[in-house]
C-alpha atoms as a PDB file:
ATOM      1  CA  UNK A   1      16.454  -5.360  -8.857  1.00  0.00           C
ATOM      2  CA  UNK A   2      18.451  -3.227  -6.468  1.00  0.00           C
ATOM      3  CA  UNK A   3      18.214   0.494  -5.720  1.00  0.00           C
ATOM      4  CA  UNK A   4      21.222   2.599  -4.787  1.00  0.00           C
ATOM      5  CA  UNK A   5      20.632   6.284  -4.346  1.00  0.00           C
ATOM      6  CA  UNK A   6      18.335   7.354  -7.157  1.00  0.00           C
ATOM      7  CA  UNK A   7      19.378   4.617  -9.583  1.00  0.00           C
ATOM      8  CA  UNK A   8      17.778   1.196 -10.192  1.00  0.00           C
ATOM      9  CA  UNK A   9      20.068  -1.672 -11.150  1.00  0.00           C
ATOM     10  CA  UNK A  10      19.055  -4.913 -12.820  1.00  0.00           C
ATOM     11  CA  UNK A  11      21.024  -8.038 -11.996  1.00  0.00           C
ATOM     12  CA  UNK A  12      22.234 -10.035 -15.004  1.00  0.00           C
ATOM     13  CA  UNK A  13      24.239 -13.207 -15.533  1.00  0.00           C
ATOM     14  CA  UNK A  14      27.371 -11.116 -15.996  1.00  0.00           C
ATOM     15  CA  UNK A  15      26.763  -8.624 -13.191  1.00  0.00           C
ATOM     16  CA  UNK A  16      24.347  -5.722 -13.201  1.00  0.00           C
ATOM     17  CA  UNK A  17      23.266  -2.815 -15.380  1.00  0.00           C
ATOM     18  CA  UNK A  18      21.262   0.406 -14.854  1.00  0.00           C
ATOM     19  CA  UNK A  19      17.537  -0.070 -15.381  1.00  0.00           C
ATOM     20  CA  UNK A  20      15.442   2.675 -16.987  1.00  0.00           C
ATOM     21  CA  UNK A  21      11.680   2.400 -16.523  1.00  0.00           C
ATOM     22  CA  UNK A  22       9.824   2.618 -19.847  1.00  0.00           C
ATOM     23  CA  UNK A  23       6.222   2.061 -18.895  1.00  0.00           C
ATOM     24  CA  UNK A  24       2.765   1.435 -20.328  1.00  0.00           C
ATOM     25  CA  UNK A  25      -0.464   2.011 -18.391  1.00  0.00           C
ATOM     26  CA  UNK A  26      -2.780  -0.985 -18.602  1.00  0.00           C
ATOM     27  CA  UNK A  27      -6.439  -0.560 -17.713  1.00  0.00           C
ATOM     28  CA  UNK A  28      -9.034  -3.159 -16.796  1.00  0.00           C
ATOM     29  CA  UNK A  29     -11.461  -2.641 -19.648  1.00  0.00           C
ATOM     30  CA  UNK A  30     -11.965  -4.156 -23.072  1.00  0.00           C
ATOM     31  CA  UNK A  31     -14.447  -3.119 -25.796  1.00  0.00           C
ATOM     32  CA  UNK A  32     -18.082  -4.093 -25.109  1.00  0.00           C
ATOM     33  CA  UNK A  33     -17.368  -4.845 -21.420  1.00  0.00           C
ATOM     34  CA  UNK A  34     -17.395  -2.734 -18.264  1.00  0.00           C
ATOM     35  CA  UNK A  35     -13.943  -2.080 -16.832  1.00  0.00           C
ATOM     36  CA  UNK A  36     -15.240  -3.243 -13.445  1.00  0.00           C
ATOM     37  CA  UNK A  37     -16.059  -6.653 -14.923  1.00  0.00           C
ATOM     38  CA  UNK A  38     -12.331  -7.408 -15.380  1.00  0.00           C
ATOM     39  CA  UNK A  39     -13.286  -9.383 -18.470  1.00  0.00           C
ATOM     40  CA  UNK A  40      -9.880  -9.507 -20.175  1.00  0.00           C
ATOM     41  CA  UNK A  41      -8.877 -13.123 -20.787  1.00  0.00           C
ATOM     42  CA  UNK A  42      -5.514 -14.720 -20.129  1.00  0.00           C
ATOM     43  CA  UNK A  43      -4.689 -15.245 -23.806  1.00  0.00           C
ATOM     44  CA  UNK A  44      -5.389 -11.572 -24.491  1.00  0.00           C
ATOM     45  CA  UNK A  45      -2.982 -10.555 -21.758  1.00  0.00           C
ATOM     46  CA  UNK A  46      -0.283 -12.836 -23.154  1.00  0.00           C
ATOM     47  CA  UNK A  47      -0.689 -11.279 -26.577  1.00  0.00           C
ATOM     48  CA  UNK A  48      -0.622  -7.764 -25.125  1.00  0.00           C
ATOM     49  CA  UNK A  49       2.505  -8.461 -23.066  1.00  0.00           C
ATOM     50  CA  UNK A  50       4.377  -9.471 -26.208  1.00  0.00           C
ATOM     51  CA  UNK A  51       3.145  -6.396 -28.061  1.00  0.00           C
ATOM     52  CA  UNK A  52       4.118  -4.124 -25.173  1.00  0.00           C
ATOM     53  CA  UNK A  53       7.662  -5.456 -25.259  1.00  0.00           C
ATOM     54  CA  UNK A  54       7.741  -4.999 -29.025  1.00  0.00           C
ATOM     55  CA  UNK A  55       7.054  -1.300 -28.376  1.00  0.00           C
ATOM     56  CA  UNK A  56      10.256  -1.128 -26.363  1.00  0.00           C
ATOM     57  CA  UNK A  57       8.520  -0.849 -22.983  1.00  0.00           C
ATOM     58  CA  UNK A  58       9.722  -2.890 -20.021  1.00  0.00           C
ATOM     59  CA  UNK A  59       7.191  -2.027 -17.276  1.00  0.00           C
ATOM     60  CA  UNK A  60       3.391  -2.299 -16.988  1.00  0.00           C
ATOM     61  CA  UNK A  61       1.521  -0.063 -14.571  1.00  0.00           C
ATOM     62  CA  UNK A  62      -1.907  -1.206 -13.306  1.00  0.00           C
ATOM     63  CA  UNK A  63      -4.076   1.056 -11.190  1.00  0.00           C
ATOM     64  CA  UNK A  64      -5.688  -1.571  -9.026  1.00  0.00           C
ATOM     65  CA  UNK A  65      -5.713  -5.299  -8.311  1.00  0.00           C
ATOM     66  CA  UNK A  66      -6.636  -7.079 -11.517  1.00  0.00           C
ATOM     67  CA  UNK A  67      -8.521 -10.364 -11.777  1.00  0.00           C
ATOM     68  CA  UNK A  68      -6.499 -13.487 -11.074  1.00  0.00           C
ATOM     69  CA  UNK A  69      -6.046 -14.285 -14.792  1.00  0.00           C
ATOM     70  CA  UNK A  70      -3.847 -11.192 -15.155  1.00  0.00           C
ATOM     71  CA  UNK A  71      -1.350 -12.480 -12.581  1.00  0.00           C
ATOM     72  CA  UNK A  72      -1.496 -15.998 -13.990  1.00  0.00           C
ATOM     73  CA  UNK A  73      -0.686 -14.647 -17.451  1.00  0.00           C
ATOM     74  CA  UNK A  74       2.036 -12.356 -16.101  1.00  0.00           C
ATOM     75  CA  UNK A  75       3.685 -15.249 -14.268  1.00  0.00           C
ATOM     76  CA  UNK A  76       3.440 -17.549 -17.284  1.00  0.00           C
ATOM     77  CA  UNK A  77       4.847 -14.883 -19.602  1.00  0.00           C
ATOM     78  CA  UNK A  78       7.846 -14.084 -17.381  1.00  0.00           C
ATOM     79  CA  UNK A  79       8.828 -17.335 -15.713  1.00  0.00           C
ATOM     80  CA  UNK A  80      11.256 -18.615 -18.371  1.00  0.00           C
ATOM     81  CA  UNK A  81      12.022 -15.305 -20.045  1.00  0.00           C
ATOM     82  CA  UNK A  82      15.542 -13.865 -19.716  1.00  0.00           C
ATOM     83  CA  UNK A  83      14.201 -10.366 -20.499  1.00  0.00           C
ATOM     84  CA  UNK A  84      10.897 -10.182 -18.582  1.00  0.00           C
ATOM     85  CA  UNK A  85       8.289  -7.482 -18.186  1.00  0.00           C
ATOM     86  CA  UNK A  86       8.072  -5.731 -14.828  1.00  0.00           C
ATOM     87  CA  UNK A  87       5.082  -4.425 -12.893  1.00  0.00           C
ATOM     88  CA  UNK A  88       4.171  -1.250 -11.026  1.00  0.00           C
ATOM     89  CA  UNK A  89       1.180  -2.276  -8.898  1.00  0.00           C
ATOM     90  CA  UNK A  90      -1.335   0.356  -7.878  1.00  0.00           C
ATOM     91  CA  UNK A  91      -3.325   0.534  -4.643  1.00  0.00           C
ATOM     92  CA  UNK A  92      -6.732   1.970  -5.511  1.00  0.00           C
ATOM     93  CA  UNK A  93      -8.868   4.171  -3.275  1.00  0.00           C
ATOM     94  CA  UNK A  94     -12.442   3.770  -4.450  1.00  0.00           C
ATOM     95  CA  UNK A  95     -14.702   6.743  -5.063  1.00  0.00           C
ATOM     96  CA  UNK A  96     -17.129   5.852  -2.273  1.00  0.00           C
ATOM     97  CA  UNK A  97     -14.439   5.885   0.408  1.00  0.00           C
ATOM     98  CA  UNK A  98     -12.873   9.076  -0.878  1.00  0.00           C
ATOM     99  CA  UNK A  99     -16.125  10.979  -1.323  1.00  0.00           C
ATOM    100  CA  UNK A 100     -17.887   9.726   1.813  1.00  0.00           C
ATOM    101  CA  UNK A 101     -15.093  10.503   4.271  1.00  0.00           C
ATOM    102  CA  UNK A 102     -13.534  13.827   3.368  1.00  0.00           C
ATOM    103  CA  UNK A 103     -11.047  13.601   6.229  1.00  0.00           C
ATOM    104  CA  UNK A 104      -8.357  11.099   5.249  1.00  0.00           C
ATOM    105  CA  UNK A 105      -7.678  10.310   8.918  1.00  0.00           C
ATOM    106  CA  UNK A 106     -11.231   9.019   9.355  1.00  0.00           C
ATOM    107  CA  UNK A 107     -10.915   5.429  10.522  1.00  0.00           C
ATOM    108  CA  UNK A 108     -12.971   4.135   7.586  1.00  0.00           C
ATOM    109  CA  UNK A 109     -10.724   5.953   5.103  1.00  0.00           C
ATOM    110  CA  UNK A 110      -7.403   5.224   6.775  1.00  0.00           C
ATOM    111  CA  UNK A 111      -8.286   1.691   7.843  1.00  0.00           C
ATOM    112  CA  UNK A 112      -9.574   0.711   4.402  1.00  0.00           C
ATOM    113  CA  UNK A 113      -6.513   2.199   2.712  1.00  0.00           C
ATOM    114  CA  UNK A 114      -4.149   0.296   5.006  1.00  0.00           C
ATOM    115  CA  UNK A 115      -6.013  -2.989   4.545  1.00  0.00           C
ATOM    116  CA  UNK A 116      -5.938  -2.542   0.774  1.00  0.00           C
ATOM    117  CA  UNK A 117      -2.168  -1.955   0.923  1.00  0.00           C
ATOM    118  CA  UNK A 118      -1.710  -5.254   2.743  1.00  0.00           C
ATOM    119  CA  UNK A 119      -4.007  -7.038   0.311  1.00  0.00           C
ATOM    120  CA  UNK A 120      -1.991  -5.801  -2.672  1.00  0.00           C
ATOM    121  CA  UNK A 121       1.221  -7.112  -1.114  1.00  0.00           C
ATOM    122  CA  UNK A 122      -0.355 -10.530  -0.555  1.00  0.00           C
ATOM    123  CA  UNK A 123      -1.712 -10.587  -4.113  1.00  0.00           C
ATOM    124  CA  UNK A 124       1.650 -10.034  -5.808  1.00  0.00           C
ATOM    125  CA  UNK A 125       3.179 -12.733  -3.588  1.00  0.00           C
ATOM    126  CA  UNK A 126       0.503 -15.216  -4.677  1.00  0.00           C
ATOM    127  CA  UNK A 127      -0.988 -15.524  -1.220  1.00  0.00           C
ATOM    128  CA  UNK A 128      -4.563 -14.209  -1.331  1.00  0.00           C
ATOM    129  CA  UNK A 129      -8.165 -15.054  -2.153  1.00  0.00           C
ATOM    130  CA  UNK A 130     -10.571 -12.210  -2.929  1.00  0.00           C
ATOM    131  CA  UNK A 131     -14.268 -12.973  -3.215  1.00  0.00           C
ATOM    132  CA  UNK A 132     -16.285 -11.315  -5.967  1.00  0.00           C
ATOM    133  CA  UNK A 133     -17.514  -7.922  -4.782  1.00  0.00           C
ATOM    134  CA  UNK A 134     -15.453  -7.840  -1.576  1.00  0.00           C
ATOM    135  CA  UNK A 135     -13.278  -4.976  -2.804  1.00  0.00           C
ATOM    136  CA  UNK A 136     -14.757  -2.151  -4.846  1.00  0.00           C
ATOM    137  CA  UNK A 137     -12.888  -1.415  -8.096  1.00  0.00           C
ATOM    138  CA  UNK A 138     -10.651  -4.464  -7.751  1.00  0.00           C
ATOM    139  CA  UNK A 139     -10.499  -7.888  -9.327  1.00  0.00           C
ATOM    140  CA  UNK A 140     -11.303 -11.147  -7.599  1.00  0.00           C
ATOM    141  CA  UNK A 141     -10.214 -14.773  -7.598  1.00  0.00           C
ATOM    142  CA  UNK A 142      -7.517 -17.065  -6.253  1.00  0.00           C
ATOM    143  CA  UNK A 143      -4.148 -15.322  -6.419  1.00  0.00           C
ATOM    144  CA  UNK A 144      -1.727 -18.252  -6.402  1.00  0.00           C
ATOM    145  CA  UNK A 145       1.037 -16.959  -8.679  1.00  0.00           C
ATOM    146  CA  UNK A 146       4.003 -15.288  -7.036  1.00  0.00           C
ATOM    147  CA  UNK A 147       4.835 -12.445  -9.433  1.00  0.00           C
ATOM    148  CA  UNK A 148       6.846 -10.527  -6.834  1.00  0.00           C
ATOM    149  CA  UNK A 149      10.221 -11.152  -8.582  1.00  0.00           C
ATOM    150  CA  UNK A 150       8.981  -8.845 -11.368  1.00  0.00           C
ATOM    151  CA  UNK A 151       7.257  -6.201  -9.235  1.00  0.00           C
ATOM    152  CA  UNK A 152       9.375  -3.039  -9.163  1.00  0.00           C
ATOM    153  CA  UNK A 153       7.156  -1.088  -6.809  1.00  0.00           C
ATOM    154  CA  UNK A 154       3.776   0.165  -5.657  1.00  0.00           C
ATOM    155  CA  UNK A 155       1.903   3.363  -6.472  1.00  0.00           C
ATOM    156  CA  UNK A 156      -0.420   4.292  -3.612  1.00  0.00           C
ATOM    157  CA  UNK A 157      -3.668   6.123  -4.217  1.00  0.00           C
ATOM    158  CA  UNK A 158      -5.487   7.691  -7.124  1.00  0.00           C
ATOM    159  CA  UNK A 159      -6.191  11.113  -8.562  1.00  0.00           C
ATOM    160  CA  UNK A 160      -6.869  12.616  -5.135  1.00  0.00           C
ATOM    161  CA  UNK A 161      -9.864  14.907  -4.869  1.00  0.00           C
ATOM    162  CA  UNK A 162      -8.696  18.427  -4.049  1.00  0.00           C
ATOM    163  CA  UNK A 163     -11.516  18.737  -1.516  1.00  0.00           C
ATOM    164  CA  UNK A 164     -10.309  15.606   0.306  1.00  0.00           C
ATOM    165  CA  UNK A 165      -6.781  16.988   0.568  1.00  0.00           C
ATOM    166  CA  UNK A 166      -7.853  20.500   1.595  1.00  0.00           C
ATOM    167  CA  UNK A 167     -10.387  19.297   4.178  1.00  0.00           C
ATOM    168  CA  UNK A 168      -7.898  16.856   5.715  1.00  0.00           C
ATOM    169  CA  UNK A 169      -5.282  19.591   5.997  1.00  0.00           C
ATOM    170  CA  UNK A 170      -7.863  21.914   7.580  1.00  0.00           C
ATOM    171  CA  UNK A 171      -9.252  19.419  10.096  1.00  0.00           C
ATOM    172  CA  UNK A 172      -6.012  17.674  11.116  1.00  0.00           C
ATOM    173  CA  UNK A 173      -3.527  20.536  11.361  1.00  0.00           C
ATOM    174  CA  UNK A 174      -1.647  18.921  14.252  1.00  0.00           C
ATOM    175  CA  UNK A 175      -0.954  15.748  12.229  1.00  0.00           C
ATOM    176  CA  UNK A 176       1.555  17.369   9.889  1.00  0.00           C
ATOM    177  CA  UNK A 177       4.448  15.023  10.585  1.00  0.00           C
ATOM    178  CA  UNK A 178       5.172  11.308  10.586  1.00  0.00           C
ATOM    179  CA  UNK A 179       8.243   9.429  11.739  1.00  0.00           C
ATOM    180  CA  UNK A 180       8.108   5.785  10.750  1.00  0.00           C
ATOM    181  CA  UNK A 181      10.476   2.872  10.517  1.00  0.00           C
ATOM    182  CA  UNK A 182      11.222   3.476   6.827  1.00  0.00           C
ATOM    183  CA  UNK A 183       9.548   6.744   5.834  1.00  0.00           C
ATOM    184  CA  UNK A 184       9.336  10.141   7.485  1.00  0.00           C
ATOM    185  CA  UNK A 185       8.081  13.597   6.526  1.00  0.00           C
ATOM    186  CA  UNK A 186      10.003  16.805   6.035  1.00  0.00           C
ATOM    187  CA  UNK A 187       9.411  19.845   8.231  1.00  0.00           C
ATOM    188  CA  UNK A 188       7.070  21.477   5.710  1.00  0.00           C
ATOM    189  CA  UNK A 189       4.805  18.448   5.214  1.00  0.00           C
ATOM    190  CA  UNK A 190       1.039  18.777   5.246  1.00  0.00           C
ATOM    191  CA  UNK A 191      -1.303  16.486   7.213  1.00  0.00           C
ATOM    192  CA  UNK A 192      -2.364  14.725   3.991  1.00  0.00           C
ATOM    193  CA  UNK A 193       1.260  14.145   3.030  1.00  0.00           C
ATOM    194  CA  UNK A 194       1.905  12.745   6.508  1.00  0.00           C
ATOM    195  CA  UNK A 195      -0.967  10.312   5.966  1.00  0.00           C
ATOM    196  CA  UNK A 196       0.622   9.150   2.709  1.00  0.00           C
ATOM    197  CA  UNK A 197       3.984   8.678   4.419  1.00  0.00           C
ATOM    198  CA  UNK A 198       2.271   6.574   7.092  1.00  0.00           C
ATOM    199  CA  UNK A 199       0.606   4.349   4.479  1.00  0.00           C
ATOM    200  CA  UNK A 200       3.851   3.870   2.574  1.00  0.00           C
ATOM    201  CA  UNK A 201       5.755   3.075   5.743  1.00  0.00           C
ATOM    202  CA  UNK A 202       3.201   0.517   6.868  1.00  0.00           C
ATOM    203  CA  UNK A 203       3.165  -1.174   3.469  1.00  0.00           C
ATOM    204  CA  UNK A 204       6.954  -1.477   3.493  1.00  0.00           C
ATOM    205  CA  UNK A 205       6.880  -2.782   7.074  1.00  0.00           C
ATOM    206  CA  UNK A 206       4.225  -5.372   6.236  1.00  0.00           C
ATOM    207  CA  UNK A 207       6.086  -6.735   3.220  1.00  0.00           C
ATOM    208  CA  UNK A 208       9.381  -6.718   5.105  1.00  0.00           C
ATOM    209  CA  UNK A 209       8.028  -8.704   8.045  1.00  0.00           C
ATOM    210  CA  UNK A 210       5.905 -11.172   6.095  1.00  0.00           C
ATOM    211  CA  UNK A 211       7.917 -11.704   2.907  1.00  0.00           C
ATOM    212  CA  UNK A 212      11.404 -10.401   3.767  1.00  0.00           C
ATOM    213  CA  UNK A 213      11.397  -8.105   0.747  1.00  0.00           C
ATOM    214  CA  UNK A 214      11.121  -4.406  -0.046  1.00  0.00           C
ATOM    215  CA  UNK A 215      10.165  -2.449  -3.145  1.00  0.00           C
ATOM    216  CA  UNK A 216       9.928   1.106  -4.322  1.00  0.00           C
ATOM    217  CA  UNK A 217       6.897   3.076  -3.154  1.00  0.00           C
ATOM    218  CA  UNK A 218       5.386   6.097  -4.916  1.00  0.00           C
ATOM    219  CA  UNK A 219       2.219   8.134  -4.462  1.00  0.00           C
ATOM    220  CA  UNK A 220      -0.307   9.045  -7.143  1.00  0.00           C
ATOM    221  CA  UNK A 221      -1.008  12.684  -7.915  1.00  0.00           C
ATOM    222  CA  UNK A 222      -2.491  14.858 -10.647  1.00  0.00           C
ATOM    223  CA  UNK A 223      -2.639  18.569 -11.557  1.00  0.00           C
ATOM    224  CA  UNK A 224      -5.995  19.195  -9.828  1.00  0.00           C
ATOM    225  CA  UNK A 225      -4.498  18.305  -6.434  1.00  0.00           C
ATOM    226  CA  UNK A 226      -1.468  20.538  -7.029  1.00  0.00           C
END
């Protein structure tokens, strides 16, 4: 994949063609199991991937790090496929962190968010081990499958609590700008938006330095925050 301006291009054997994202959200739950148990089996994922492509979709979006069997199945499904599925990988902010530290610049909030961004990058490159229970609302296991060739980008964050955004903007009025290596804020940015720009910039920097690659970065939102 290559991005020029606002267009995404997919490389093919004969050159390249514009790529239009047609996505499906994929959760972590399955009937009779808790979503936080990440109980979906590899064979189920393989069946779902085929069905998703039959729908005409070409991208899966996951909200958080899945269990290792998801990435194993995704790698196995794509590795010899001329028309693979692609992935938009989410970086989750768990409810405890968001609701316990209303100011997003609190070191526990900001530090945890940044560490989770780095962990996600390592996971998609097949270079991470996550012990059971170490990360809230995230899968665990040995992440040995490099699925990065099929990862289009990252979506940072969740459905932000309006109180978190408003309190951050109230308490950190002077932090309403960010100038990073890859991302920067506009003149009318809010402190919370500057925090998001900082997280995106640091994720891009981390992947660039460690894996010599870059991907699209987006930020989650929902009507309540607006």
